[in-house]
Amino acid sequence: MQEPTSLTVSNEANNKRKRSSKMAELIALHRVAESRKSESERICYDPYAVYFVDPETLAFAASNPEKTKEMSEYYERLFPGLANSIRARVRYFDDFVKSSLDEGLEQLVILGAGYDTRAYRIEGLKGKVRIFEVDHPDTQSVKVEKIK
């Protein structure tokens, strides 16, 4: 079966891009927002996510809380449940990785890794579990630079 032309063109353009993934940054931005909540309110915590979000975006959000809230509400109307889905998914996979550690996890492969930081923030992974992250080379190169 042949891929539809629009999808093929989209995939080719995506593979030729020369920048990191905007989706990776969006997911990191949701982790930042959730991490800024109090410990009793948040469902996930990622102290490293802030390093993967454009500083101008963070500055805008900090200096324009009403506009930021308005934009969040707009996107919630456009894509109902997306923000909560992203944040719940982070928590779900964090919990899954932690429970897998208890069961003897030896290797973790993260497909479409984006700016995932589990390798750095989940206790017990570093030095004990072989971790492979797979994503577009441009996104990976930006991530490697930011990690340094």
N, C-alpha and C. Protein backbone atom coordinates (compact mmCIF):
# COMPACT_ATOMS: atom_id res chain seq x y z
N MET A 1 0.85 -1.18 0.00
CA MET A 1 0.00 0.00 0.00
C MET A 1 0.89 1.24 0.00
N GLN A 2 0.61 2.17 -0.86
CA GLN A 2 1.40 3.38 -0.98
C GLN A 2 0.91 4.44 0.00
N GLU A 3 1.86 5.16 0.62
CA GLU A 3 1.51 6.24 1.52
C GLU A 3 0.84 7.37 0.76
N PRO A 4 -0.14 8.03 1.38
CA PRO A 4 -0.71 9.21 0.72
C PRO A 4 0.37 10.25 0.46
N THR A 5 0.26 10.95 -0.64
CA THR A 5 1.27 11.92 -1.04
C THR A 5 1.52 12.96 0.04
N SER A 6 0.45 13.49 0.65
CA SER A 6 0.63 14.55 1.64
C SER A 6 1.43 14.06 2.84
N LEU A 7 1.21 12.83 3.26
CA LEU A 7 1.97 12.27 4.37
C LEU A 7 3.41 12.04 3.95
N THR A 8 3.63 11.56 2.75
CA THR A 8 4.99 11.33 2.25
C THR A 8 5.75 12.65 2.20
N VAL A 9 5.13 13.68 1.65
CA VAL A 9 5.78 14.99 1.57
C VAL A 9 6.08 15.51 2.96
N SER A 10 5.12 15.35 3.87
CA SER A 10 5.30 15.80 5.24
C SER A 10 6.48 15.08 5.90
N ASN A 11 6.56 13.76 5.73
CA ASN A 11 7.66 13.00 6.31
C ASN A 11 8.99 13.41 5.72
N GLU A 12 9.04 13.64 4.40
CA GLU A 12 10.28 14.07 3.77
C GLU A 12 10.71 15.42 4.29
N ALA A 13 9.78 16.34 4.41
CA ALA A 13 10.10 17.67 4.93
C ALA A 13 10.59 17.57 6.37
N ASN A 14 9.95 16.73 7.16
CA ASN A 14 10.32 16.56 8.55
C ASN A 14 11.73 15.99 8.66
N ASN A 15 12.06 15.02 7.81
CA ASN A 15 13.38 14.41 7.85
C ASN A 15 14.48 15.36 7.39
N LYS A 16 14.13 16.38 6.60
CA LYS A 16 15.11 17.33 6.08
C LYS A 16 15.22 18.60 6.93
N ARG A 17 14.41 18.71 7.96
CA ARG A 17 14.42 19.95 8.74
C ARG A 17 15.79 20.15 9.39
N LYS A 18 16.11 21.37 9.69
CA LYS A 18 17.39 21.71 10.31
C LYS A 18 17.17 22.43 11.63
N ARG A 19 16.24 21.93 12.42
CA ARG A 19 15.95 22.52 13.72
C ARG A 19 15.38 21.43 14.61
N SER A 20 15.36 21.72 15.88
CA SER A 20 14.81 20.75 16.81
C SER A 20 13.29 20.76 16.73
N SER A 21 12.70 19.77 17.35
CA SER A 21 11.25 19.58 17.31
C SER A 21 10.51 20.59 18.19
N LYS A 22 9.52 21.25 17.60
CA LYS A 22 8.67 22.15 18.39
C LYS A 22 7.80 21.34 19.35
N MET A 23 7.44 20.12 18.95
CA MET A 23 6.64 19.26 19.83
C MET A 23 7.44 18.90 21.08
N ALA A 24 8.72 18.63 20.91
CA ALA A 24 9.57 18.32 22.07
C ALA A 24 9.57 19.49 23.05
N GLU A 25 9.64 20.70 22.50
CA GLU A 25 9.64 21.89 23.36
C GLU A 25 8.27 22.08 24.02
N LEU A 26 7.20 21.82 23.29
CA LEU A 26 5.85 21.95 23.85
C LEU A 26 5.67 20.99 25.03
N ILE A 27 6.11 19.76 24.85
CA ILE A 27 5.98 18.77 25.94
C ILE A 27 6.80 19.22 27.15
N ALA A 28 8.01 19.73 26.90
CA ALA A 28 8.84 20.24 27.99
C ALA A 28 8.16 21.41 28.69
N LEU A 29 7.50 22.28 27.92
CA LEU A 29 6.80 23.42 28.50
C LEU A 29 5.69 22.95 29.45
N HIS A 30 5.00 21.89 29.09
CA HIS A 30 3.97 21.34 29.97
C HIS A 30 4.60 20.77 31.25
N ARG A 31 5.77 20.15 31.12
CA ARG A 31 6.45 19.64 32.31
C ARG A 31 6.91 20.80 33.21
N VAL A 32 7.34 21.90 32.60
CA VAL A 32 7.72 23.08 33.38
C VAL A 32 6.51 23.60 34.15
N ALA A 33 5.40 23.78 33.46
CA ALA A 33 4.19 24.32 34.10
C ALA A 33 3.74 23.43 35.26
N GLU A 34 3.75 22.14 35.05
CA GLU A 34 3.33 21.21 36.11
C GLU A 34 4.32 21.21 37.26
N SER A 35 5.60 21.30 36.95
CA SER A 35 6.64 21.28 37.98
C SER A 35 6.62 22.52 38.85
N ARG A 36 6.05 23.61 38.36
CA ARG A 36 5.98 24.86 39.13
C ARG A 36 4.83 24.85 40.13
N LYS A 37 3.97 23.87 40.04
CA LYS A 37 2.89 23.75 41.01
C LYS A 37 3.45 23.23 42.33
N SER A 38 2.69 23.42 43.40
CA SER A 38 3.14 22.90 44.68
C SER A 38 3.18 21.37 44.63
N GLU A 39 3.97 20.80 45.50
CA GLU A 39 4.13 19.34 45.51
C GLU A 39 2.79 18.62 45.71
N SER A 40 1.90 19.20 46.46
CA SER A 40 0.60 18.57 46.71
C SER A 40 -0.35 18.68 45.50
N GLU A 41 -0.06 19.60 44.60
CA GLU A 41 -0.92 19.80 43.42
C GLU A 41 -0.45 19.09 42.17
N ARG A 42 0.84 19.00 41.98
CA ARG A 42 1.36 18.51 40.70
C ARG A 42 1.26 16.99 40.59
N ILE A 43 1.19 16.54 39.33
CA ILE A 43 1.16 15.10 39.09
C ILE A 43 2.48 14.59 38.53
N CYS A 44 3.35 15.49 38.11
CA CYS A 44 4.69 15.09 37.67
C CYS A 44 5.66 16.21 37.99
N TYR A 45 6.93 15.86 38.06
CA TYR A 45 7.94 16.85 38.41
C TYR A 45 9.18 16.61 37.56
N ASP A 46 9.63 17.68 36.91
CA ASP A 46 10.82 17.60 36.07
C ASP A 46 11.63 18.88 36.22
N PRO A 47 12.65 18.86 37.08
CA PRO A 47 13.44 20.07 37.31
C PRO A 47 14.31 20.46 36.11
N TYR A 48 14.45 19.59 35.14
CA TYR A 48 15.31 19.86 33.99
C TYR A 48 14.56 20.40 32.77
N ALA A 49 13.26 20.27 32.75
CA ALA A 49 12.46 20.67 31.58
C ALA A 49 12.66 22.13 31.22
N VAL A 50 12.85 22.97 32.21
CA VAL A 50 13.01 24.40 31.97
C VAL A 50 14.17 24.71 31.02
N TYR A 51 15.17 23.86 30.99
CA TYR A 51 16.34 24.10 30.14
C TYR A 51 16.08 23.79 28.66
N PHE A 52 14.93 23.21 28.37
CA PHE A 52 14.59 22.84 27.00
C PHE A 52 13.53 23.75 26.38
N VAL A 53 13.14 24.77 27.11
CA VAL A 53 12.14 25.71 26.62
C VAL A 53 12.85 27.03 26.31
N ASP A 54 12.47 27.62 25.19
CA ASP A 54 13.04 28.89 24.77
C ASP A 54 12.90 29.91 25.91
N PRO A 55 14.01 30.54 26.33
CA PRO A 55 13.94 31.53 27.41
C PRO A 55 12.96 32.67 27.14
N GLU A 56 12.80 33.04 25.88
CA GLU A 56 11.84 34.10 25.55
C GLU A 56 10.41 33.66 25.85
N THR A 57 10.13 32.39 25.61
CA THR A 57 8.80 31.85 25.91
C THR A 57 8.54 31.90 27.42
N LEU A 58 9.54 31.51 28.20
CA LEU A 58 9.40 31.53 29.66
C LEU A 58 9.26 32.96 30.17
N ALA A 59 10.04 33.89 29.60
CA ALA A 59 9.97 35.29 30.02
C ALA A 59 8.60 35.88 29.69
N PHE A 60 8.09 35.55 28.49
CA PHE A 60 6.77 36.03 28.11
C PHE A 60 5.72 35.52 29.08
N ALA A 61 5.76 34.25 29.39
CA ALA A 61 4.77 33.66 30.30
C ALA A 61 4.84 34.30 31.68
N ALA A 62 6.05 34.55 32.15
CA ALA A 62 6.22 35.15 33.48
C ALA A 62 5.73 36.59 33.53
N SER A 63 5.94 37.33 32.45
CA SER A 63 5.57 38.74 32.47
C SER A 63 4.17 39.02 31.93
N ASN A 64 3.52 37.99 31.39
CA ASN A 64 2.17 38.14 30.84
C ASN A 64 1.26 37.01 31.31
N PRO A 65 1.03 36.90 32.61
CA PRO A 65 0.24 35.77 33.11
C PRO A 65 -1.19 35.73 32.55
N GLU A 66 -1.81 36.88 32.37
CA GLU A 66 -3.18 36.88 31.85
C GLU A 66 -3.22 36.42 30.39
N LYS A 67 -2.28 36.90 29.59
CA LYS A 67 -2.21 36.49 28.18
C LYS A 67 -1.87 35.00 28.09
N THR A 68 -0.98 34.54 28.95
CA THR A 68 -0.61 33.12 28.97
C THR A 68 -1.83 32.27 29.32
N LYS A 69 -2.60 32.71 30.31
CA LYS A 69 -3.82 31.99 30.69
C LYS A 69 -4.82 31.98 29.54
N GLU A 70 -4.95 33.11 28.87
CA GLU A 70 -5.86 33.21 27.73
C GLU A 70 -5.44 32.25 26.61
N MET A 71 -4.15 32.18 26.35
CA MET A 71 -3.65 31.27 25.31
C MET A 71 -3.89 29.82 25.71
N SER A 72 -3.66 29.49 26.98
CA SER A 72 -3.90 28.12 27.46
C SER A 72 -5.36 27.74 27.31
N GLU A 73 -6.24 28.67 27.66
CA GLU A 73 -7.67 28.41 27.53
C GLU A 73 -8.09 28.25 26.07
N TYR A 74 -7.47 29.03 25.20
CA TYR A 74 -7.75 28.92 23.76
C TYR A 74 -7.37 27.52 23.26
N TYR A 75 -6.17 27.07 23.62
CA TYR A 75 -5.73 25.75 23.17
C TYR A 75 -6.53 24.63 23.80
N GLU A 76 -7.00 24.84 25.01
CA GLU A 76 -7.85 23.84 25.66
C GLU A 76 -9.18 23.71 24.91
N ARG A 77 -9.71 24.84 24.43
CA ARG A 77 -10.95 24.78 23.64
C ARG A 77 -10.68 24.11 22.28
N LEU A 78 -9.54 24.40 21.71
CA LEU A 78 -9.18 23.84 20.41
C LEU A 78 -8.89 22.34 20.50
N PHE A 79 -8.16 21.96 21.54
CA PHE A 79 -7.77 20.56 21.75
C PHE A 79 -8.13 20.16 23.19
N PRO A 80 -9.39 19.88 23.45
CA PRO A 80 -9.82 19.58 24.82
C PRO A 80 -9.05 18.42 25.44
N GLY A 81 -8.52 18.67 26.61
CA GLY A 81 -7.83 17.62 27.36
C GLY A 81 -6.37 17.40 27.00
N LEU A 82 -5.86 18.12 26.01
CA LEU A 82 -4.48 17.87 25.56
C LEU A 82 -3.46 18.12 26.67
N ALA A 83 -3.55 19.25 27.34
CA ALA A 83 -2.57 19.57 28.39
C ALA A 83 -2.57 18.51 29.48
N ASN A 84 -3.76 18.16 29.96
CA ASN A 84 -3.83 17.15 31.01
C ASN A 84 -3.38 15.78 30.52
N SER A 85 -3.65 15.49 29.26
CA SER A 85 -3.21 14.23 28.69
C SER A 85 -1.69 14.15 28.64
N ILE A 86 -1.05 15.23 28.22
CA ILE A 86 0.42 15.27 28.17
C ILE A 86 0.99 15.06 29.56
N ARG A 87 0.47 15.75 30.53
CA ARG A 87 1.00 15.68 31.89
C ARG A 87 0.73 14.33 32.54
N ALA A 88 -0.45 13.78 32.29
CA ALA A 88 -0.77 12.45 32.82
C ALA A 88 0.12 11.39 32.19
N ARG A 89 0.40 11.54 30.90
CA ARG A 89 1.27 10.58 30.21
C ARG A 89 2.68 10.60 30.80
N VAL A 90 3.17 11.79 31.12
CA VAL A 90 4.50 11.90 31.76
C VAL A 90 4.48 11.11 33.06
N ARG A 91 3.47 11.33 33.87
CA ARG A 91 3.37 10.64 35.17
C ARG A 91 3.24 9.13 34.99
N TYR A 92 2.40 8.73 34.04
CA TYR A 92 2.20 7.30 33.80
C TYR A 92 3.52 6.62 33.46
N PHE A 93 4.27 7.20 32.52
CA PHE A 93 5.52 6.55 32.11
C PHE A 93 6.59 6.66 33.18
N ASP A 94 6.60 7.75 33.95
CA ASP A 94 7.52 7.82 35.09
C ASP A 94 7.24 6.67 36.06
N ASP A 95 5.97 6.50 36.41
CA ASP A 95 5.59 5.43 37.33
C ASP A 95 5.92 4.06 36.75
N PHE A 96 5.68 3.89 35.45
CA PHE A 96 5.95 2.61 34.80
C PHE A 96 7.45 2.29 34.83
N VAL A 97 8.28 3.28 34.54
CA VAL A 97 9.73 3.07 34.56
C VAL A 97 10.18 2.75 35.98
N LYS A 98 9.67 3.46 36.96
CA LYS A 98 10.04 3.20 38.37
C LYS A 98 9.65 1.79 38.79
N SER A 99 8.45 1.36 38.44
CA SER A 99 8.03 0.01 38.82
C SER A 99 8.83 -1.04 38.05
N SER A 100 9.22 -0.73 36.82
CA SER A 100 10.04 -1.65 36.04
C SER A 100 11.43 -1.78 36.65
N LEU A 101 11.93 -0.71 37.24
CA LEU A 101 13.22 -0.77 37.94
C LEU A 101 13.14 -1.79 39.08
N ASP A 102 12.04 -1.75 39.80
CA ASP A 102 11.84 -2.68 40.92
C ASP A 102 11.77 -4.13 40.45
N GLU A 103 11.41 -4.31 39.17
CA GLU A 103 11.31 -5.66 38.61
C GLU A 103 12.56 -6.08 37.84
N GLY A 104 13.62 -5.26 37.92
CA GLY A 104 14.89 -5.64 37.30
C GLY A 104 15.14 -5.09 35.91
N LEU A 105 14.55 -3.97 35.59
CA LEU A 105 14.77 -3.34 34.28
C LEU A 105 16.26 -3.22 33.99
N GLU A 106 16.67 -3.68 32.80
CA GLU A 106 18.07 -3.61 32.41
C GLU A 106 18.31 -2.66 31.25
N GLN A 107 17.28 -2.45 30.43
CA GLN A 107 17.43 -1.63 29.23
C GLN A 107 16.14 -0.87 28.99
N LEU A 108 16.28 0.40 28.55
CA LEU A 108 15.13 1.24 28.26
C LEU A 108 15.36 1.91 26.92
N VAL A 109 14.41 1.74 26.01
CA VAL A 109 14.47 2.38 24.70
C VAL A 109 13.32 3.39 24.64
N ILE A 110 13.67 4.65 24.39
CA ILE A 110 12.67 5.70 24.32
C ILE A 110 12.60 6.17 22.87
N LEU A 111 11.50 5.80 22.21
CA LEU A 111 11.30 6.20 20.82
C LEU A 111 10.64 7.57 20.78
N GLY A 112 11.08 8.41 19.87
CA GLY A 112 10.55 9.77 19.82
C GLY A 112 10.86 10.50 21.12
N ALA A 113 12.10 10.36 21.57
CA ALA A 113 12.51 10.83 22.90
C ALA A 113 12.34 12.32 23.11
N GLY A 114 12.50 13.11 22.05
CA GLY A 114 12.38 14.56 22.23
C GLY A 114 13.29 15.03 23.34
N TYR A 115 12.72 15.82 24.25
CA TYR A 115 13.50 16.34 25.38
C TYR A 115 13.19 15.59 26.66
N ASP A 116 12.95 14.30 26.54
CA ASP A 116 12.70 13.45 27.70
C ASP A 116 13.90 13.52 28.64
N THR A 117 13.65 13.60 29.94
CA THR A 117 14.74 13.70 30.91
C THR A 117 14.74 12.56 31.94
N ARG A 118 14.01 11.51 31.67
CA ARG A 118 13.92 10.42 32.65
C ARG A 118 15.29 9.86 33.03
N ALA A 119 16.18 9.79 32.07
CA ALA A 119 17.52 9.24 32.34
C ALA A 119 18.25 10.02 33.42
N TYR A 120 17.89 11.27 33.61
CA TYR A 120 18.58 12.13 34.56
C TYR A 120 17.81 12.34 35.85
N ARG A 121 16.51 12.18 35.82
CA ARG A 121 15.71 12.53 36.99
C ARG A 121 15.10 11.35 37.73
N ILE A 122 15.12 10.16 37.16
CA ILE A 122 14.56 9.01 37.87
C ILE A 122 15.69 8.26 38.57
N GLU A 123 15.57 8.26 39.87
CA GLU A 123 16.56 7.61 40.72
C GLU A 123 16.68 6.12 40.37
N GLY A 124 17.91 5.66 40.20
CA GLY A 124 18.13 4.25 39.93
C GLY A 124 18.38 3.91 38.47
N LEU A 125 18.16 4.84 37.56
CA LEU A 125 18.41 4.55 36.15
C LEU A 125 19.90 4.70 35.81
N LYS A 126 20.47 5.80 36.24
CA LYS A 126 21.86 6.12 35.88
C LYS A 126 22.83 5.05 36.39
N GLY A 127 23.60 4.52 35.46
CA GLY A 127 24.61 3.54 35.80
C GLY A 127 24.10 2.12 35.96
N LYS A 128 22.81 1.93 36.00
CA LYS A 128 22.24 0.59 36.20
C LYS A 128 21.47 0.09 34.99
N VAL A 129 20.93 1.01 34.21
CA VAL A 129 20.07 0.65 33.09
C VAL A 129 20.66 1.25 31.81
N ARG A 130 20.76 0.42 30.77
CA ARG A 130 21.20 0.93 29.47
C ARG A 130 20.02 1.67 28.85
N ILE A 131 20.25 2.93 28.48
CA ILE A 131 19.17 3.75 27.94
C ILE A 131 19.52 4.18 26.53
N PHE A 132 18.57 3.97 25.63
CA PHE A 132 18.71 4.38 24.24
C PHE A 132 17.59 5.35 23.93
N GLU A 133 17.95 6.50 23.40
CA GLU A 133 16.95 7.48 22.99
C GLU A 133 17.01 7.61 21.47
N VAL A 134 15.85 7.53 20.84
CA VAL A 134 15.75 7.60 19.39
C VAL A 134 14.87 8.80 19.03
N ASP A 135 15.40 9.67 18.19
CA ASP A 135 14.62 10.80 17.70
C ASP A 135 15.34 11.39 16.49
N HIS A 136 14.77 12.43 15.93
CA HIS A 136 15.37 13.10 14.79
C HIS A 136 16.75 13.63 15.19
N PRO A 137 17.76 13.50 14.33
CA PRO A 137 19.11 13.95 14.67
C PRO A 137 19.19 15.42 15.11
N ASP A 138 18.40 16.29 14.51
CA ASP A 138 18.44 17.71 14.89
C ASP A 138 17.95 17.91 16.32
N THR A 139 16.90 17.20 16.69
CA THR A 139 16.39 17.30 18.05
C THR A 139 17.41 16.72 19.02
N GLN A 140 17.98 15.58 18.67
CA GLN A 140 18.98 14.96 19.54
C GLN A 140 20.21 15.84 19.72
N SER A 141 20.66 16.48 18.66
CA SER A 141 21.87 17.32 18.78
C SER A 141 21.60 18.53 19.69
N VAL A 142 20.41 19.13 19.58
CA VAL A 142 20.07 20.24 20.47
C VAL A 142 20.01 19.73 21.91
N LYS A 143 19.42 18.57 22.10
CA LYS A 143 19.31 18.01 23.45
C LYS A 143 20.69 17.74 24.05
N VAL A 144 21.57 17.16 23.28
CA VAL A 144 22.92 16.85 23.76
C VAL A 144 23.62 18.14 24.18
N GLU A 145 23.50 19.19 23.39
CA GLU A 145 24.13 20.47 23.73
C GLU A 145 23.55 21.04 25.03
N LYS A 146 22.24 20.95 25.19
CA LYS A 146 21.61 21.50 26.39
C LYS A 146 21.98 20.67 27.62
N ILE A 147 22.13 19.37 27.45
CA ILE A 147 22.51 18.50 28.56
C ILE A 147 23.93 18.87 29.06
N LYS A 148 24.82 19.16 28.10
CA LYS A 148 26.19 19.54 28.49
C LYS A 148 26.16 20.77 29.37
